[in-house]
PDB file of N, CA and C in Angstrom:
ATOM      1  N   MET A   1     120.013 -22.143 117.177  1.00  0.00           N
ATOM      2  CA  MET A   1     119.623 -20.836 117.664  1.00  0.00           C
ATOM      3  C   MET A   1     120.088 -19.800 116.641  1.00  0.00           C
ATOM      4  N   ASP A   2     119.193 -18.896 116.278  1.00  0.00           N
ATOM      5  CA  ASP A   2     119.579 -17.887 115.281  1.00  0.00           C
ATOM      6  C   ASP A   2     120.250 -16.686 115.947  1.00  0.00           C
ATOM      7  N   GLN A   3     120.795 -15.806 115.126  1.00  0.00           N
ATOM      8  CA  GLN A   3     121.570 -14.671 115.646  1.00  0.00           C
ATOM      9  C   GLN A   3     120.723 -13.731 116.504  1.00  0.00           C
ATOM     10  N   ALA A   4     119.452 -13.571 116.172  1.00  0.00           N
ATOM     11  CA  ALA A   4     118.584 -12.707 116.979  1.00  0.00           C
ATOM     12  C   ALA A   4     118.453 -13.244 118.406  1.00  0.00           C
ATOM     13  N   GLU A   5     118.312 -14.560 118.539  1.00  0.00           N
ATOM     14  CA  GLU A   5     118.226 -15.166 119.873  1.00  0.00           C
ATOM     15  C   GLU A   5     119.539 -15.005 120.629  1.00  0.00           C
ATOM     16  N   ILE A   6     120.638 -15.211 119.942  1.00  0.00           N
ATOM     17  CA  ILE A   6     121.952 -15.041 120.575  1.00  0.00           C
ATOM     18  C   ILE A   6     122.124 -13.596 121.046  1.00  0.00           C
ATOM     19  N   ASN A   7     121.721 -12.641 120.226  1.00  0.00           N
ATOM     20  CA  ASN A   7     121.800 -11.226 120.611  1.00  0.00           C
ATOM     21  C   ASN A   7     120.934 -10.929 121.834  1.00  0.00           C
ATOM     22  N   ASN A   8     119.763 -11.549 121.896  1.00  0.00           N
ATOM     23  CA  ASN A   8     118.903 -11.361 123.072  1.00  0.00           C
ATOM     24  C   ASN A   8     119.572 -11.903 124.329  1.00  0.00           C
ATOM     25  N   TRP A   9     120.174 -13.083 124.237  1.00  0.00           N
ATOM     26  CA  TRP A   9     120.873 -13.650 125.394  1.00  0.00           C
ATOM     27  C   TRP A   9     122.049 -12.765 125.801  1.00  0.00           C
ATOM     28  N   LYS A  10     122.724 -12.172 124.826  1.00  0.00           N
ATOM     29  CA  LYS A  10     123.839 -11.265 125.134  1.00  0.00           C
ATOM     30  C   LYS A  10     123.328 -10.044 125.897  1.00  0.00           C
ATOM     31  N   SER A  11     122.211  -9.492 125.461  1.00  0.00           N
ATOM     32  CA  SER A  11     121.621  -8.336 126.154  1.00  0.00           C
ATOM     33  C   SER A  11     121.225  -8.694 127.577  1.00  0.00           C
ATOM     34  N   ILE A  12     120.659  -9.876 127.741  1.00  0.00           N
ATOM     35  CA  ILE A  12     120.265 -10.329 129.083  1.00  0.00           C
ATOM     36  C   ILE A  12     121.496 -10.455 129.966  1.00  0.00           C
ATOM     37  N   ALA A  13     122.547 -11.107 129.462  1.00  0.00           N
ATOM     38  CA  ALA A  13     123.770 -11.288 130.248  1.00  0.00           C
ATOM     39  C   ALA A  13     124.369  -9.942 130.639  1.00  0.00           C
ATOM     40  N   GLU A  14     124.452  -9.034 129.707  1.00  0.00           N
ATOM     41  CA  GLU A  14     125.034  -7.720 129.994  1.00  0.00           C
ATOM     42  C   GLU A  14     124.196  -6.942 131.004  1.00  0.00           C
ATOM     43  N   SER A  15     122.888  -7.034 130.896  1.00  0.00           N
ATOM     44  CA  SER A  15     122.012  -6.361 131.846  1.00  0.00           C
ATOM     45  C   SER A  15     122.187  -6.933 133.252  1.00  0.00           C
ATOM     46  N   MET A  16     122.281  -8.247 133.350  1.00  0.00           N
ATOM     47  CA  MET A  16     122.459  -8.879 134.657  1.00  0.00           C
ATOM     48  C   MET A  16     123.818  -8.534 135.246  1.00  0.00           C
ATOM     49  N   GLU A  17     124.843  -8.470 134.407  1.00  0.00           N
ATOM     50  CA  GLU A  17     126.173  -8.091 134.876  1.00  0.00           C
ATOM     51  C   GLU A  17     126.165  -6.666 135.421  1.00  0.00           C
ATOM     52  N   ALA A  18     125.467  -5.776 134.745  1.00  0.00           N
ATOM     53  CA  ALA A  18     125.395  -4.378 135.181  1.00  0.00           C
ATOM     54  C   ALA A  18     124.730  -4.262 136.550  1.00  0.00           C
ATOM     55  N   LYS A  19     123.835  -5.190 136.851  1.00  0.00           N
ATOM     56  CA  LYS A  19     123.132  -5.193 138.145  1.00  0.00           C
ATOM     57  C   LYS A  19     123.879  -5.997 139.198  1.00  0.00           C
ATOM     58  N   GLY A  20     124.989  -6.630 138.808  1.00  0.00           N
ATOM     59  CA  GLY A  20     125.744  -7.445 139.753  1.00  0.00           C
ATOM     60  C   GLY A  20     125.109  -8.801 140.011  1.00  0.00           C
ATOM     61  N   ASP A  21     124.219  -9.201 139.152  1.00  0.00           N
ATOM     62  CA  ASP A  21     123.509 -10.469 139.309  1.00  0.00           C
ATOM     63  C   ASP A  21     124.133 -11.502 138.376  1.00  0.00           C
ATOM     64  N   SER A  22     125.200 -12.155 138.858  1.00  0.00           N
ATOM     65  CA  SER A  22     125.901 -13.089 137.984  1.00  0.00           C
ATOM     66  C   SER A  22     126.100 -14.460 138.622  1.00  0.00           C
ATOM     67  N   GLU A  23     125.242 -14.825 139.565  1.00  0.00           N
ATOM     68  CA  GLU A  23     125.377 -16.124 140.204  1.00  0.00           C
ATOM     69  C   GLU A  23     124.148 -17.007 140.019  1.00  0.00           C
ATOM     70  N   SER A  24     123.290 -16.658 139.094  1.00  0.00           N
ATOM     71  CA  SER A  24     122.096 -17.479 138.883  1.00  0.00           C
ATOM     72  C   SER A  24     122.290 -18.380 137.672  1.00  0.00           C
ATOM     73  N   TRP A  25     121.504 -19.440 137.611  1.00  0.00           N
ATOM     74  CA  TRP A  25     121.545 -20.308 136.445  1.00  0.00           C
ATOM     75  C   TRP A  25     121.125 -19.550 135.202  1.00  0.00           C
ATOM     76  N   PHE A  26     120.179 -18.638 135.349  1.00  0.00           N
ATOM     77  CA  PHE A  26     119.715 -17.865 134.201  1.00  0.00           C
ATOM     78  C   PHE A  26     120.856 -17.040 133.628  1.00  0.00           C
ATOM     79  N   TYR A  27     121.641 -16.404 134.508  1.00  0.00           N
ATOM     80  CA  TYR A  27     122.793 -15.624 134.039  1.00  0.00           C
ATOM     81  C   TYR A  27     123.827 -16.535 133.370  1.00  0.00           C
ATOM     82  N   LEU A  28     124.146 -17.647 134.026  1.00  0.00           N
ATOM     83  CA  LEU A  28     125.156 -18.550 133.464  1.00  0.00           C
ATOM     84  C   LEU A  28     124.734 -19.047 132.081  1.00  0.00           C
ATOM     85  N   ARG A  29     123.446 -19.298 131.922  1.00  0.00           N
ATOM     86  CA  ARG A  29     122.937 -19.724 130.618  1.00  0.00           C
ATOM     87  C   ARG A  29     123.082 -18.592 129.601  1.00  0.00           C
ATOM     88  N   ALA A  30     122.667 -17.395 129.997  1.00  0.00           N
ATOM     89  CA  ALA A  30     122.740 -16.248 129.093  1.00  0.00           C
ATOM     90  C   ALA A  30     124.179 -15.978 128.666  1.00  0.00           C
ATOM     91  N   ARG A  31     125.101 -15.999 129.610  1.00  0.00           N
ATOM     92  CA  ARG A  31     126.507 -15.708 129.302  1.00  0.00           C
ATOM     93  C   ARG A  31     127.085 -16.783 128.387  1.00  0.00           C
ATOM     94  N   ALA A  32     126.796 -18.044 128.659  1.00  0.00           N
ATOM     95  CA  ALA A  32     127.324 -19.124 127.830  1.00  0.00           C
ATOM     96  C   ALA A  32     126.837 -18.992 126.392  1.00  0.00           C
ATOM     97  N   ILE A  33     125.548 -18.764 126.222  1.00  0.00           N
ATOM     98  CA  ILE A  33     124.996 -18.637 124.871  1.00  0.00           C
ATOM     99  C   ILE A  33     125.564 -17.403 124.179  1.00  0.00           C
ATOM    100  N   ALA A  34     125.659 -16.294 124.903  1.00  0.00           N
ATOM    101  CA  ALA A  34     126.198 -15.061 124.324  1.00  0.00           C
ATOM    102  C   ALA A  34     127.646 -15.242 123.882  1.00  0.00           C
ATOM    103  N   ASP A  35     128.385 -16.085 124.592  1.00  0.00           N
ATOM    104  CA  ASP A  35     129.793 -16.326 124.263  1.00  0.00           C
ATOM    105  C   ASP A  35     129.980 -17.414 123.209  1.00  0.00           C
ATOM    106  N   GLY A  36     128.874 -17.923 122.685  1.00  0.00           N
ATOM    107  CA  GLY A  36     128.962 -18.930 121.634  1.00  0.00           C
ATOM    108  C   GLY A  36     129.218 -20.337 122.133  1.00  0.00           C
ATOM    109  N   LYS A  37     129.061 -20.542 123.436  1.00  0.00           N
ATOM    110  CA  LYS A  37     129.244 -21.872 124.009  1.00  0.00           C
ATOM    111  C   LYS A  37     127.916 -22.615 123.965  1.00  0.00           C
ATOM    112  N   GLY A  38     127.945 -23.874 124.275  1.00  0.00           N
ATOM    113  CA  GLY A  38     126.721 -24.661 124.309  1.00  0.00           C
ATOM    114  C   GLY A  38     125.790 -24.206 125.423  1.00  0.00           C
ATOM    115  N   ASP A  39     124.514 -24.501 125.259  1.00  0.00           N
ATOM    116  CA  ASP A  39     123.508 -24.161 126.259  1.00  0.00           C
ATOM    117  C   ASP A  39     123.690 -25.072 127.469  1.00  0.00           C
ATOM    118  N   PRO A  40     124.082 -24.533 128.639  1.00  0.00           N
ATOM    119  CA  PRO A  40     124.307 -25.372 129.810  1.00  0.00           C
ATOM    120  C   PRO A  40     123.027 -26.020 130.333  1.00  0.00           C
ATOM    121  N   LEU A  41     121.887 -25.486 129.981  1.00  0.00           N
ATOM    122  CA  LEU A  41     120.637 -26.068 130.441  1.00  0.00           C
ATOM    123  C   LEU A  41     120.454 -27.477 129.880  1.00  0.00           C
ATOM    124  N   LEU A  42     121.051 -27.747 128.754  1.00  0.00           N
ATOM    125  CA  LEU A  42     120.938 -29.068 128.158  1.00  0.00           C
ATOM    126  C   LEU A  42     121.629 -30.126 129.007  1.00  0.00           C
ATOM    127  N   ASN A  43     122.530 -29.711 129.886  1.00  0.00           N
ATOM    128  CA  ASN A  43     123.264 -30.644 130.736  1.00  0.00           C
ATOM    129  C   ASN A  43     122.767 -30.656 132.174  1.00  0.00           C
ATOM    130  N   ILE A  44     121.640 -30.021 132.443  1.00  0.00           N
ATOM    131  CA  ILE A  44     121.179 -29.890 133.819  1.00  0.00           C
ATOM    132  C   ILE A  44     120.879 -31.240 134.461  1.00  0.00           C
ATOM    133  N   SER A  45     120.450 -32.232 133.697  1.00  0.00           N
ATOM    134  CA  SER A  45     120.172 -33.544 134.285  1.00  0.00           C
ATOM    135  C   SER A  45     121.446 -34.149 134.862  1.00  0.00           C
ATOM    136  N   GLU A  46     122.567 -33.909 134.221  1.00  0.00           N
ATOM    137  CA  GLU A  46     123.840 -34.386 134.755  1.00  0.00           C
ATOM    138  C   GLU A  46     124.173 -33.669 136.062  1.00  0.00           C
ATOM    139  N   LEU A  47     123.914 -32.383 136.114  1.00  0.00           N
ATOM    140  CA  LEU A  47     124.222 -31.610 137.307  1.00  0.00           C
ATOM    141  C   LEU A  47     123.332 -32.014 138.466  1.00  0.00           C
ATOM    142  N   LEU A  48     122.062 -32.232 138.184  1.00  0.00           N
ATOM    143  CA  LEU A  48     121.134 -32.593 139.240  1.00  0.00           C
ATOM    144  C   LEU A  48     121.394 -33.995 139.770  1.00  0.00           C
ATOM    145  N   ALA A  49     122.003 -34.839 138.960  1.00  0.00           N
ATOM    146  CA  ALA A  49     122.317 -36.188 139.400  1.00  0.00           C
ATOM    147  C   ALA A  49     123.317 -36.161 140.551  1.00  0.00           C
ATOM    148  N   ASP A  50     124.191 -35.178 140.569  1.00  0.00           N
ATOM    149  CA  ASP A  50     125.181 -35.055 141.632  1.00  0.00           C
ATOM    150  C   ASP A  50     125.481 -33.580 141.881  1.00  0.00           C
ATOM    151  N   PRO A  51     124.588 -32.874 142.601  1.00  0.00           N
ATOM    152  CA  PRO A  51     124.790 -31.439 142.822  1.00  0.00           C
ATOM    153  C   PRO A  51     126.077 -31.119 143.570  1.00  0.00           C
ATOM    154  N   CYS A  52     126.588 -32.062 144.342  1.00  0.00           N
ATOM    155  CA  CYS A  52     127.829 -31.797 145.067  1.00  0.00           C
ATOM    156  C   CYS A  52     129.009 -31.688 144.129  1.00  0.00           C
ATOM    157  N   LEU A  53     128.875 -32.244 142.937  1.00  0.00           N
ATOM    158  CA  LEU A  53     129.924 -32.124 141.929  1.00  0.00           C
ATOM    159  C   LEU A  53     130.204 -30.659 141.645  1.00  0.00           C
ATOM    160  N   ILE A  54     129.155 -29.869 141.529  1.00  0.00           N
ATOM    161  CA  ILE A  54     129.313 -28.442 141.264  1.00  0.00           C
ATOM    162  C   ILE A  54     129.755 -27.714 142.516  1.00  0.00           C
ATOM    163  N   CYS A  55     129.073 -27.978 143.614  1.00  0.00           N
ATOM    164  CA  CYS A  55     129.347 -27.254 144.853  1.00  0.00           C
ATOM    165  C   CYS A  55     130.792 -27.458 145.304  1.00  0.00           C
ATOM    166  N   SER A  56     131.306 -28.673 145.143  1.00  0.00           N
ATOM    167  CA  SER A  56     132.652 -28.964 145.624  1.00  0.00           C
ATOM    168  C   SER A  56     133.730 -28.290 144.787  1.00  0.00           C
ATOM    169  N   THR A  57     133.413 -27.918 143.563  1.00  0.00           N
ATOM    170  CA  THR A  57     134.415 -27.256 142.739  1.00  0.00           C
ATOM    171  C   THR A  57     134.536 -25.784 143.094  1.00  0.00           C
ATOM    172  N   GLY A  58     133.527 -25.241 143.763  1.00  0.00           N
ATOM    173  CA  GLY A  58     133.543 -23.838 144.141  1.00  0.00           C
ATOM    174  C   GLY A  58     133.345 -22.902 142.969  1.00  0.00           C
ATOM    175  N   GLY A  59     133.020 -23.446 141.819  1.00  0.00           N
ATOM    176  CA  GLY A  59     132.943 -22.630 140.624  1.00  0.00           C
ATOM    177  C   GLY A  59     131.636 -21.910 140.401  1.00  0.00           C
ATOM    178  N   MET A  60     130.594 -22.238 141.135  1.00  0.00           N
ATOM    179  CA  MET A  60     129.301 -21.654 140.832  1.00  0.00           C
ATOM    180  C   MET A  60     128.771 -20.729 141.919  1.00  0.00           C
ATOM    181  N   GLY A  61     129.336 -20.757 143.095  1.00  0.00           N
ATOM    182  CA  GLY A  61     128.949 -19.837 144.135  1.00  0.00           C
ATOM    183  C   GLY A  61     127.798 -20.337 144.994  1.00  0.00           C
ATOM    184  N   PRO A  62     127.596 -19.662 146.126  1.00  0.00           N
ATOM    185  CA  PRO A  62     126.595 -20.099 147.100  1.00  0.00           C
ATOM    186  C   PRO A  62     125.162 -20.031 146.602  1.00  0.00           C
ATOM    187  N   ALA A  63     124.849 -19.120 145.715  1.00  0.00           N
ATOM    188  CA  ALA A  63     123.477 -19.037 145.211  1.00  0.00           C
ATOM    189  C   ALA A  63     123.125 -20.279 144.410  1.00  0.00           C
ATOM    190  N   ILE A  64     124.065 -20.754 143.614  1.00  0.00           N
ATOM    191  CA  ILE A  64     123.836 -21.957 142.828  1.00  0.00           C
ATOM    192  C   ILE A  64     123.756 -23.167 143.755  1.00  0.00           C
ATOM    193  N   GLU A  65     124.625 -23.217 144.742  1.00  0.00           N
ATOM    194  CA  GLU A  65     124.594 -24.333 145.693  1.00  0.00           C
ATOM    195  C   GLU A  65     123.248 -24.393 146.395  1.00  0.00           C
ATOM    196  N   ALA A  66     122.735 -23.263 146.825  1.00  0.00           N
ATOM    197  CA  ALA A  66     121.425 -23.234 147.487  1.00  0.00           C
ATOM    198  C   ALA A  66     120.333 -23.683 146.543  1.00  0.00           C
ATOM    199  N   TRP A  67     120.395 -23.241 145.307  1.00  0.00           N
ATOM    200  CA  TRP A  67     119.388 -23.637 144.332  1.00  0.00           C
ATOM    201  C   TRP A  67     119.426 -25.138 144.104  1.00  0.00           C
ATOM    202  N   LEU A  68     120.620 -25.687 143.959  1.00  0.00           N
ATOM    203  CA  LEU A  68     120.749 -27.124 143.731  1.00  0.00           C
ATOM    204  C   LEU A  68     120.264 -27.941 144.911  1.00  0.00           C
ATOM    205  N   ASN A  69     120.426 -27.405 146.118  1.00  0.00           N
ATOM    206  CA  ASN A  69     119.967 -28.123 147.308  1.00  0.00           C
ATOM    207  C   ASN A  69     118.455 -28.335 147.292  1.00  0.00           C
ATOM    208  N   CYS A  70     117.746 -27.526 146.563  1.00  0.00           N
ATOM    209  CA  CYS A  70     116.290 -27.696 146.453  1.00  0.00           C
ATOM    210  C   CYS A  70     115.944 -29.008 145.767  1.00  0.00           C
ATOM    211  N   PHE A  71     116.862 -29.549 145.003  1.00  0.00           N
ATOM    212  CA  PHE A  71     116.594 -30.761 144.240  1.00  0.00           C
ATOM    213  C   PHE A  71     117.083 -32.026 144.913  1.00  0.00           C
ATOM    214  N   LYS A  72     117.734 -31.888 146.071  1.00  0.00           N
ATOM    215  CA  LYS A  72     118.201 -33.081 146.755  1.00  0.00           C
ATOM    216  C   LYS A  72     117.008 -33.806 147.372  1.00  0.00           C
ATOM    217  N   PRO A  73     117.040 -35.138 147.335  1.00  0.00           N
ATOM    218  CA  PRO A  73     115.924 -35.912 147.911  1.00  0.00           C
ATOM    219  C   PRO A  73     115.833 -35.767 149.405  1.00  0.00           C
TER     220      PRO A  73
END
């Protein structure tokens, strides 16, 4: 990812934070990329394999838990 893309993700993250919208996967992706961390979307198959792994940690919030429940069989 080039610096222009990273800057765009930073702008997205900051805009979402200003609106109080920080519990979506889109925000978490934007913040991670803006902070120079790996793209969490690349690991989504691991998360979907066991959505309770995330929910039980309490680290992602109810919006993420609800979203993940859409993928349960």
